[in-house]
């Protein structure tokens, strides 16, 4: 499974809503290497790395990597009030 799909699947299972933002520069595609730094400048600014996926939390924190995102999602499931109680 692609790392971004793994992260998305974990967020879905935990009940989170999120926005997907695609970036260019896949590391195994040689012709994307020249522009990879520029294409992933925002990712690097947020996480300190060029690698995706990253999860930007509402409070401004960043979780980097599919395994870390999956773990965060398991540890922070969405809790919703029962109908008629909220």
PDB file of N, CA and C in Angstrom:
ATOM      1  N   UNK A   1       0.843  -1.172   0.000  1.00  0.00           N
ATOM      2  CA  UNK A   1       0.000   0.000   0.000  1.00  0.00           C
ATOM      3  C   UNK A   1       0.896   1.245   0.000  1.00  0.00           C
ATOM      4  N   UNK A   2       0.518   2.234  -0.776  1.00  0.00           N
ATOM      5  CA  UNK A   2       1.255   3.495  -0.827  1.00  0.00           C
ATOM      6  C   UNK A   2       1.211   4.162   0.544  1.00  0.00           C
ATOM      7  N   UNK A   3       2.296   4.800   0.982  1.00  0.00           N
ATOM      8  CA  UNK A   3       2.318   5.431   2.298  1.00  0.00           C
ATOM      9  C   UNK A   3       1.192   6.455   2.517  1.00  0.00           C
ATOM     10  N   UNK A   4       0.868   7.214   1.495  1.00  0.00           N
ATOM     11  CA  UNK A   4      -0.213   8.201   1.646  1.00  0.00           C
ATOM     12  C   UNK A   4      -1.561   7.503   1.841  1.00  0.00           C
ATOM     13  N   UNK A   5      -1.761   6.387   1.154  1.00  0.00           N
ATOM     14  CA  UNK A   5      -3.002   5.620   1.316  1.00  0.00           C
ATOM     15  C   UNK A   5      -3.077   5.008   2.703  1.00  0.00           C
ATOM     16  N   UNK A   6      -1.946   4.547   3.224  1.00  0.00           N
ATOM     17  CA  UNK A   6      -1.911   3.988   4.578  1.00  0.00           C
ATOM     18  C   UNK A   6      -2.318   5.045   5.598  1.00  0.00           C
ATOM     19  N   UNK A   7      -1.788   6.244   5.457  1.00  0.00           N
ATOM     20  CA  UNK A   7      -2.133   7.330   6.376  1.00  0.00           C
ATOM     21  C   UNK A   7      -3.610   7.686   6.250  1.00  0.00           C
ATOM     22  N   UNK A   8      -4.105   7.792   5.025  1.00  0.00           N
ATOM     23  CA  UNK A   8      -5.511   8.131   4.795  1.00  0.00           C
ATOM     24  C   UNK A   8      -6.431   7.075   5.377  1.00  0.00           C
ATOM     25  N   UNK A   9      -6.087   5.808   5.195  1.00  0.00           N
ATOM     26  CA  UNK A   9      -6.905   4.711   5.714  1.00  0.00           C
ATOM     27  C   UNK A   9      -6.991   4.784   7.244  1.00  0.00           C
ATOM     28  N   UNK A  10      -5.882   5.081   7.899  1.00  0.00           N
ATOM     29  CA  UNK A  10      -5.873   5.183   9.363  1.00  0.00           C
ATOM     30  C   UNK A  10      -6.705   6.371   9.835  1.00  0.00           C
ATOM     31  N   UNK A  11      -6.592   7.498   9.138  1.00  0.00           N
ATOM     32  CA  UNK A  11      -7.388   8.675   9.502  1.00  0.00           C
ATOM     33  C   UNK A  11      -8.873   8.413   9.298  1.00  0.00           C
ATOM     34  N   UNK A  12      -9.207   7.742   8.207  1.00  0.00           N
ATOM     35  CA  UNK A  12     -10.608   7.379   7.946  1.00  0.00           C
ATOM     36  C   UNK A  12     -11.148   6.478   9.051  1.00  0.00           C
ATOM     37  N   UNK A  13     -10.372   5.451   9.405  1.00  0.00           N
ATOM     38  CA  UNK A  13     -10.810   4.494  10.420  1.00  0.00           C
ATOM     39  C   UNK A  13     -11.021   5.164  11.772  1.00  0.00           C
ATOM     40  N   UNK A  14     -10.246   6.214  12.052  1.00  0.00           N
ATOM     41  CA  UNK A  14     -10.362   6.923  13.328  1.00  0.00           C
ATOM     42  C   UNK A  14     -11.429   8.013  13.283  1.00  0.00           C
ATOM     43  N   UNK A  15     -12.038   8.213  12.111  1.00  0.00           N
ATOM     44  CA  UNK A  15     -13.133   9.171  11.983  1.00  0.00           C
ATOM     45  C   UNK A  15     -12.720  10.608  11.729  1.00  0.00           C
ATOM     46  N   UNK A  16     -11.501  10.823  11.287  1.00  0.00           N
ATOM     47  CA  UNK A  16     -11.017  12.185  11.039  1.00  0.00           C
ATOM     48  C   UNK A  16     -11.399  12.674   9.643  1.00  0.00           C
ATOM     49  N   UNK A  17     -11.666  13.953   9.552  1.00  0.00           N
ATOM     50  CA  UNK A  17     -11.824  14.620   8.263  1.00  0.00           C
ATOM     51  C   UNK A  17     -10.501  15.312   7.977  1.00  0.00           C
ATOM     52  N   UNK A  18     -10.092  15.317   6.725  1.00  0.00           N
ATOM     53  CA  UNK A  18      -8.809  15.909   6.367  1.00  0.00           C
ATOM     54  C   UNK A  18      -8.846  16.355   4.920  1.00  0.00           C
ATOM     55  N   UNK A  19      -7.906  17.198   4.593  1.00  0.00           N
ATOM     56  CA  UNK A  19      -7.765  17.699   3.223  1.00  0.00           C
ATOM     57  C   UNK A  19      -6.500  17.091   2.627  1.00  0.00           C
ATOM     58  N   UNK A  20      -6.600  16.595   1.414  1.00  0.00           N
ATOM     59  CA  UNK A  20      -5.440  16.034   0.722  1.00  0.00           C
ATOM     60  C   UNK A  20      -4.873  17.105  -0.194  1.00  0.00           C
ATOM     61  N   UNK A  21      -3.583  17.302  -0.092  1.00  0.00           N
ATOM     62  CA  UNK A  21      -2.894  18.231  -0.979  1.00  0.00           C
ATOM     63  C   UNK A  21      -1.773  17.457  -1.665  1.00  0.00           C
ATOM     64  N   UNK A  22      -1.883  17.278  -2.955  1.00  0.00           N
ATOM     65  CA  UNK A  22      -0.885  16.526  -3.712  1.00  0.00           C
ATOM     66  C   UNK A  22       0.343  17.394  -3.972  1.00  0.00           C
ATOM     67  N   UNK A  23       1.510  16.761  -3.915  1.00  0.00           N
ATOM     68  CA  UNK A  23       2.758  17.445  -4.241  1.00  0.00           C
ATOM     69  C   UNK A  23       3.487  16.631  -5.297  1.00  0.00           C
ATOM     70  N   UNK A  24       4.304  17.301  -6.075  1.00  0.00           N
ATOM     71  CA  UNK A  24       5.073  16.639  -7.128  1.00  0.00           C
ATOM     72  C   UNK A  24       6.392  16.124  -6.564  1.00  0.00           C
ATOM     73  N   UNK A  25       7.104  15.393  -7.388  1.00  0.00           N
ATOM     74  CA  UNK A  25       8.459  14.995  -7.053  1.00  0.00           C
ATOM     75  C   UNK A  25       8.600  13.640  -6.419  1.00  0.00           C
ATOM     76  N   UNK A  26       7.916  12.643  -6.939  1.00  0.00           N
ATOM     77  CA  UNK A  26       8.018  11.296  -6.402  1.00  0.00           C
ATOM     78  C   UNK A  26       9.466  10.835  -6.474  1.00  0.00           C
ATOM     79  N   UNK A  27      10.014  10.340  -5.371  1.00  0.00           N
ATOM     80  CA  UNK A  27      11.447  10.062  -5.289  1.00  0.00           C
ATOM     81  C   UNK A  27      11.944   8.955  -6.201  1.00  0.00           C
ATOM     82  N   UNK A  28      11.081   8.050  -6.641  1.00  0.00           N
ATOM     83  CA  UNK A  28      11.532   6.958  -7.500  1.00  0.00           C
ATOM     84  C   UNK A  28      11.363   7.257  -8.990  1.00  0.00           C
ATOM     85  N   UNK A  29      10.944   8.458  -9.312  1.00  0.00           N
ATOM     86  CA  UNK A  29      10.782   8.853 -10.709  1.00  0.00           C
ATOM     87  C   UNK A  29      11.903   9.847 -11.028  1.00  0.00           C
ATOM     88  N   UNK A  30      12.925   9.398 -11.764  1.00  0.00           N
ATOM     89  CA  UNK A  30      14.118  10.215 -11.958  1.00  0.00           C
ATOM     90  C   UNK A  30      13.872  11.601 -12.549  1.00  0.00           C
ATOM     91  N   UNK A  31      12.918  11.738 -13.453  1.00  0.00           N
ATOM     92  CA  UNK A  31      12.721  13.033 -14.094  1.00  0.00           C
ATOM     93  C   UNK A  31      12.090  14.068 -13.163  1.00  0.00           C
ATOM     94  N   UNK A  32      11.640  13.665 -11.981  1.00  0.00           N
ATOM     95  CA  UNK A  32      11.096  14.646 -11.036  1.00  0.00           C
ATOM     96  C   UNK A  32      12.163  15.170 -10.072  1.00  0.00           C
ATOM     97  N   UNK A  33      13.330  14.569 -10.070  1.00  0.00           N
ATOM     98  CA  UNK A  33      14.382  14.980  -9.127  1.00  0.00           C
ATOM     99  C   UNK A  33      14.807  16.426  -9.276  1.00  0.00           C
ATOM    100  N   UNK A  34      14.980  16.975 -10.481  1.00  0.00           N
ATOM    101  CA  UNK A  34      15.438  18.358 -10.585  1.00  0.00           C
ATOM    102  C   UNK A  34      14.493  19.383  -9.934  1.00  0.00           C
ATOM    103  N   UNK A  35      13.208  19.144  -9.984  1.00  0.00           N
ATOM    104  CA  UNK A  35      12.261  20.121  -9.430  1.00  0.00           C
ATOM    105  C   UNK A  35      11.716  19.713  -8.064  1.00  0.00           C
ATOM    106  N   UNK A  36      12.184  18.570  -7.551  1.00  0.00           N
ATOM    107  CA  UNK A  36      11.617  18.031  -6.311  1.00  0.00           C
ATOM    108  C   UNK A  36      11.726  19.003  -5.142  1.00  0.00           C
ATOM    109  N   UNK A  37      12.860  19.660  -4.985  1.00  0.00           N
ATOM    110  CA  UNK A  37      13.045  20.594  -3.883  1.00  0.00           C
ATOM    111  C   UNK A  37      12.052  21.736  -3.932  1.00  0.00           C
ATOM    112  N   UNK A  38      11.876  22.313  -5.096  1.00  0.00           N
ATOM    113  CA  UNK A  38      10.935  23.423  -5.243  1.00  0.00           C
ATOM    114  C   UNK A  38       9.496  22.946  -5.080  1.00  0.00           C
ATOM    115  N   UNK A  39       9.189  21.776  -5.629  1.00  0.00           N
ATOM    116  CA  UNK A  39       7.822  21.252  -5.565  1.00  0.00           C
ATOM    117  C   UNK A  39       7.412  20.905  -4.140  1.00  0.00           C
ATOM    118  N   UNK A  40       8.379  20.607  -3.290  1.00  0.00           N
ATOM    119  CA  UNK A  40       8.069  20.195  -1.923  1.00  0.00           C
ATOM    120  C   UNK A  40       8.550  21.203  -0.876  1.00  0.00           C
ATOM    121  N   UNK A  41       8.719  22.443  -1.273  1.00  0.00           N
ATOM    122  CA  UNK A  41       9.201  23.470  -0.346  1.00  0.00           C
ATOM    123  C   UNK A  41       8.272  23.612   0.860  1.00  0.00           C
ATOM    124  N   UNK A  42       6.966  23.582   0.649  1.00  0.00           N
ATOM    125  CA  UNK A  42       6.026  23.720   1.752  1.00  0.00           C
ATOM    126  C   UNK A  42       6.112  22.524   2.700  1.00  0.00           C
ATOM    127  N   UNK A  43       6.270  21.329   2.145  1.00  0.00           N
ATOM    128  CA  UNK A  43       6.415  20.132   2.963  1.00  0.00           C
ATOM    129  C   UNK A  43       7.655  20.264   3.846  1.00  0.00           C
ATOM    130  N   UNK A  44       8.761  20.677   3.258  1.00  0.00           N
ATOM    131  CA  UNK A  44      10.018  20.844   3.995  1.00  0.00           C
ATOM    132  C   UNK A  44       9.882  21.921   5.070  1.00  0.00           C
ATOM    133  N   UNK A  45       9.199  23.012   4.738  1.00  0.00           N
ATOM    134  CA  UNK A  45       8.997  24.094   5.703  1.00  0.00           C
ATOM    135  C   UNK A  45       8.186  23.608   6.906  1.00  0.00           C
ATOM    136  N   UNK A  46       7.173  22.787   6.655  1.00  0.00           N
ATOM    137  CA  UNK A  46       6.308  22.306   7.728  1.00  0.00           C
ATOM    138  C   UNK A  46       6.936  21.192   8.558  1.00  0.00           C
ATOM    139  N   UNK A  47       7.651  20.271   7.898  1.00  0.00           N
ATOM    140  CA  UNK A  47       8.118  19.071   8.596  1.00  0.00           C
ATOM    141  C   UNK A  47       9.633  18.966   8.743  1.00  0.00           C
ATOM    142  N   UNK A  48      10.373  19.770   7.995  1.00  0.00           N
ATOM    143  CA  UNK A  48      11.826  19.656   8.020  1.00  0.00           C
ATOM    144  C   UNK A  48      12.359  18.599   7.074  1.00  0.00           C
ATOM    145  N   UNK A  49      11.468  17.925   6.341  1.00  0.00           N
ATOM    146  CA  UNK A  49      11.853  16.874   5.391  1.00  0.00           C
ATOM    147  C   UNK A  49      11.121  17.088   4.071  1.00  0.00           C
ATOM    148  N   UNK A  50      11.587  16.407   3.036  1.00  0.00           N
ATOM    149  CA  UNK A  50      10.908  16.446   1.741  1.00  0.00           C
ATOM    150  C   UNK A  50       9.898  15.321   1.587  1.00  0.00           C
ATOM    151  N   UNK A  51       9.846  14.416   2.540  1.00  0.00           N
ATOM    152  CA  UNK A  51       9.038  13.203   2.397  1.00  0.00           C
ATOM    153  C   UNK A  51       7.587  13.416   2.812  1.00  0.00           C
ATOM    154  N   UNK A  52       6.703  12.734   2.127  1.00  0.00           N
ATOM    155  CA  UNK A  52       5.282  12.728   2.440  1.00  0.00           C
ATOM    156  C   UNK A  52       4.883  11.294   2.753  1.00  0.00           C
ATOM    157  N   UNK A  53       3.827  11.088   3.468  1.00  0.00           N
ATOM    158  CA  UNK A  53       2.819  12.055   3.869  1.00  0.00           C
ATOM    159  C   UNK A  53       3.200  12.777   5.162  1.00  0.00           C
ATOM    160  N   UNK A  54       2.574  13.953   5.317  1.00  0.00           N
ATOM    161  CA  UNK A  54       2.616  14.659   6.588  1.00  0.00           C
ATOM    162  C   UNK A  54       1.180  15.017   6.943  1.00  0.00           C
ATOM    163  N   UNK A  55       0.940  15.162   8.232  1.00  0.00           N
ATOM    164  CA  UNK A  55      -0.364  15.566   8.735  1.00  0.00           C
ATOM    165  C   UNK A  55      -0.158  16.843   9.522  1.00  0.00           C
ATOM    166  N   UNK A  56      -0.798  17.924   9.090  1.00  0.00           N
ATOM    167  CA  UNK A  56      -0.727  19.198   9.796  1.00  0.00           C
ATOM    168  C   UNK A  56      -1.946  19.266  10.702  1.00  0.00           C
ATOM    169  N   UNK A  57      -1.701  19.315  11.993  1.00  0.00           N
ATOM    170  CA  UNK A  57      -2.777  19.323  12.977  1.00  0.00           C
ATOM    171  C   UNK A  57      -3.388  20.716  13.108  1.00  0.00           C
ATOM    172  N   UNK A  58      -4.614  20.783  13.583  1.00  0.00           N
ATOM    173  CA  UNK A  58      -5.301  22.062  13.736  1.00  0.00           C
ATOM    174  C   UNK A  58      -4.510  23.042  14.586  1.00  0.00           C
ATOM    175  N   UNK A  59      -3.797  22.563  15.588  1.00  0.00           N
ATOM    176  CA  UNK A  59      -3.014  23.432  16.466  1.00  0.00           C
ATOM    177  C   UNK A  59      -1.672  23.833  15.878  1.00  0.00           C
ATOM    178  N   UNK A  60      -1.357  23.357  14.671  1.00  0.00           N
ATOM    179  CA  UNK A  60      -0.115  23.732  14.012  1.00  0.00           C
ATOM    180  C   UNK A  60       0.979  22.681  14.092  1.00  0.00           C
ATOM    181  N   UNK A  61       0.797  21.654  14.909  1.00  0.00           N
ATOM    182  CA  UNK A  61       1.788  20.588  14.974  1.00  0.00           C
ATOM    183  C   UNK A  61       1.793  19.781  13.688  1.00  0.00           C
ATOM    184  N   UNK A  62       2.857  19.018  13.479  1.00  0.00           N
ATOM    185  CA  UNK A  62       2.999  18.207  12.272  1.00  0.00           C
ATOM    186  C   UNK A  62       3.384  16.787  12.658  1.00  0.00           C
ATOM    187  N   UNK A  63       2.700  15.826  12.061  1.00  0.00           N
ATOM    188  CA  UNK A  63       3.041  14.417  12.214  1.00  0.00           C
ATOM    189  C   UNK A  63       3.562  13.969  10.854  1.00  0.00           C
ATOM    190  N   UNK A  64       4.755  13.397  10.825  1.00  0.00           N
ATOM    191  CA  UNK A  64       5.415  13.076   9.562  1.00  0.00           C
ATOM    192  C   UNK A  64       5.617  11.574   9.425  1.00  0.00           C
ATOM    193  N   UNK A  65       5.198  11.029   8.289  1.00  0.00           N
ATOM    194  CA  UNK A  65       5.382   9.618   7.993  1.00  0.00           C
ATOM    195  C   UNK A  65       4.099   8.831   8.170  1.00  0.00           C
ATOM    196  N   UNK A  66       3.892   7.852   7.295  1.00  0.00           N
ATOM    197  CA  UNK A  66       2.636   7.100   7.317  1.00  0.00           C
ATOM    198  C   UNK A  66       2.456   6.312   8.605  1.00  0.00           C
ATOM    199  N   UNK A  67       3.507   5.691   9.111  1.00  0.00           N
ATOM    200  CA  UNK A  67       3.407   4.933  10.353  1.00  0.00           C
ATOM    201  C   UNK A  67       3.083   5.818  11.534  1.00  0.00           C
ATOM    202  N   UNK A  68       3.709   6.971  11.575  1.00  0.00           N
ATOM    203  CA  UNK A  68       3.477   7.922  12.658  1.00  0.00           C
ATOM    204  C   UNK A  68       2.065   8.493  12.581  1.00  0.00           C
ATOM    205  N   UNK A  69       1.599   8.768  11.374  1.00  0.00           N
ATOM    206  CA  UNK A  69       0.232   9.271  11.204  1.00  0.00           C
ATOM    207  C   UNK A  69      -0.769   8.205  11.620  1.00  0.00           C
ATOM    208  N   UNK A  70      -0.525   6.959  11.222  1.00  0.00           N
ATOM    209  CA  UNK A  70      -1.427   5.870  11.604  1.00  0.00           C
ATOM    210  C   UNK A  70      -1.472   5.718  13.120  1.00  0.00           C
ATOM    211  N   UNK A  71      -0.324   5.803  13.765  1.00  0.00           N
ATOM    212  CA  UNK A  71      -0.272   5.700  15.226  1.00  0.00           C
ATOM    213  C   UNK A  71      -1.021   6.867  15.866  1.00  0.00           C
ATOM    214  N   UNK A  72      -0.795   8.078  15.362  1.00  0.00           N
ATOM    215  CA  UNK A  72      -1.479   9.254  15.899  1.00  0.00           C
ATOM    216  C   UNK A  72      -2.996   9.071  15.762  1.00  0.00           C
ATOM    217  N   UNK A  73      -3.441   8.592  14.618  1.00  0.00           N
ATOM    218  CA  UNK A  73      -4.876   8.399  14.391  1.00  0.00           C
ATOM    219  C   UNK A  73      -5.465   7.381  15.369  1.00  0.00           C
ATOM    220  N   UNK A  74      -4.751   6.293  15.604  1.00  0.00           N
ATOM    221  CA  UNK A  74      -5.225   5.292  16.571  1.00  0.00           C
ATOM    222  C   UNK A  74      -5.305   5.871  17.978  1.00  0.00           C
ATOM    223  N   UNK A  75      -4.356   6.726  18.317  1.00  0.00           N
ATOM    224  CA  UNK A  75      -4.306   7.313  19.655  1.00  0.00           C
ATOM    225  C   UNK A  75      -5.268   8.489  19.832  1.00  0.00           C
ATOM    226  N   UNK A  76      -5.775   9.031  18.729  1.00  0.00           N
ATOM    227  CA  UNK A  76      -6.661  10.201  18.772  1.00  0.00           C
ATOM    228  C   UNK A  76      -7.919   9.982  17.929  1.00  0.00           C
ATOM    229  N   UNK A  77      -8.711   8.960  18.250  1.00  0.00           N
ATOM    230  CA  UNK A  77      -9.936   8.752  17.470  1.00  0.00           C
ATOM    231  C   UNK A  77     -10.927   9.882  17.718  1.00  0.00           C
ATOM    232  N   UNK A  78     -11.742  10.139  16.734  1.00  0.00           N
ATOM    233  CA  UNK A  78     -12.785  11.162  16.865  1.00  0.00           C
ATOM    234  C   UNK A  78     -13.890  10.597  17.758  1.00  0.00           C
ATOM    235  N   UNK A  79     -14.251  11.374  18.745  1.00  0.00           N
ATOM    236  CA  UNK A  79     -15.385  10.967  19.593  1.00  0.00           C
ATOM    237  C   UNK A  79     -16.532  11.922  19.297  1.00  0.00           C
ATOM    238  N   UNK A  80     -17.636  11.367  19.033  1.00  0.00           N
ATOM    239  CA  UNK A  80     -18.820  12.171  18.708  1.00  0.00           C
ATOM    240  C   UNK A  80     -19.872  11.935  19.785  1.00  0.00           C
ATOM    241  N   UNK A  81     -20.596  13.003  20.090  1.00  0.00           N
ATOM    242  CA  UNK A  81     -21.673  12.885  21.068  1.00  0.00           C
ATOM    243  C   UNK A  81     -22.781  11.987  20.517  1.00  0.00           C
ATOM    244  N   UNK A  82     -23.383  11.233  21.381  1.00  0.00           N
ATOM    245  CA  UNK A  82     -24.504  10.386  20.976  1.00  0.00           C
ATOM    246  C   UNK A  82     -25.664  11.268  20.544  1.00  0.00           C
ATOM    247  N   UNK A  83     -26.447  10.833  19.575  1.00  0.00           N
ATOM    248  CA  UNK A  83     -27.585  11.642  19.113  1.00  0.00           C
ATOM    249  C   UNK A  83     -28.474  12.037  20.296  1.00  0.00           C
ATOM    250  N   UNK A  84     -28.828  13.325  20.309  1.00  0.00           N
ATOM    251  CA  UNK A  84     -29.726  13.841  21.340  1.00  0.00           C
ATOM    252  C   UNK A  84     -29.014  14.246  22.616  1.00  0.00           C
ATOM    253  N   UNK A  85     -27.659  14.087  22.681  1.00  0.00           N
ATOM    254  CA  UNK A  85     -26.938  14.465  23.895  1.00  0.00           C
ATOM    255  C   UNK A  85     -26.068  15.692  23.682  1.00  0.00           C
ATOM    256  N   UNK A  86     -25.969  16.177  22.455  1.00  0.00           N
ATOM    257  CA  UNK A  86     -25.037  17.278  22.229  1.00  0.00           C
ATOM    258  C   UNK A  86     -25.696  18.405  21.641  1.00  0.00           C
TER     259      UNK A  86
END
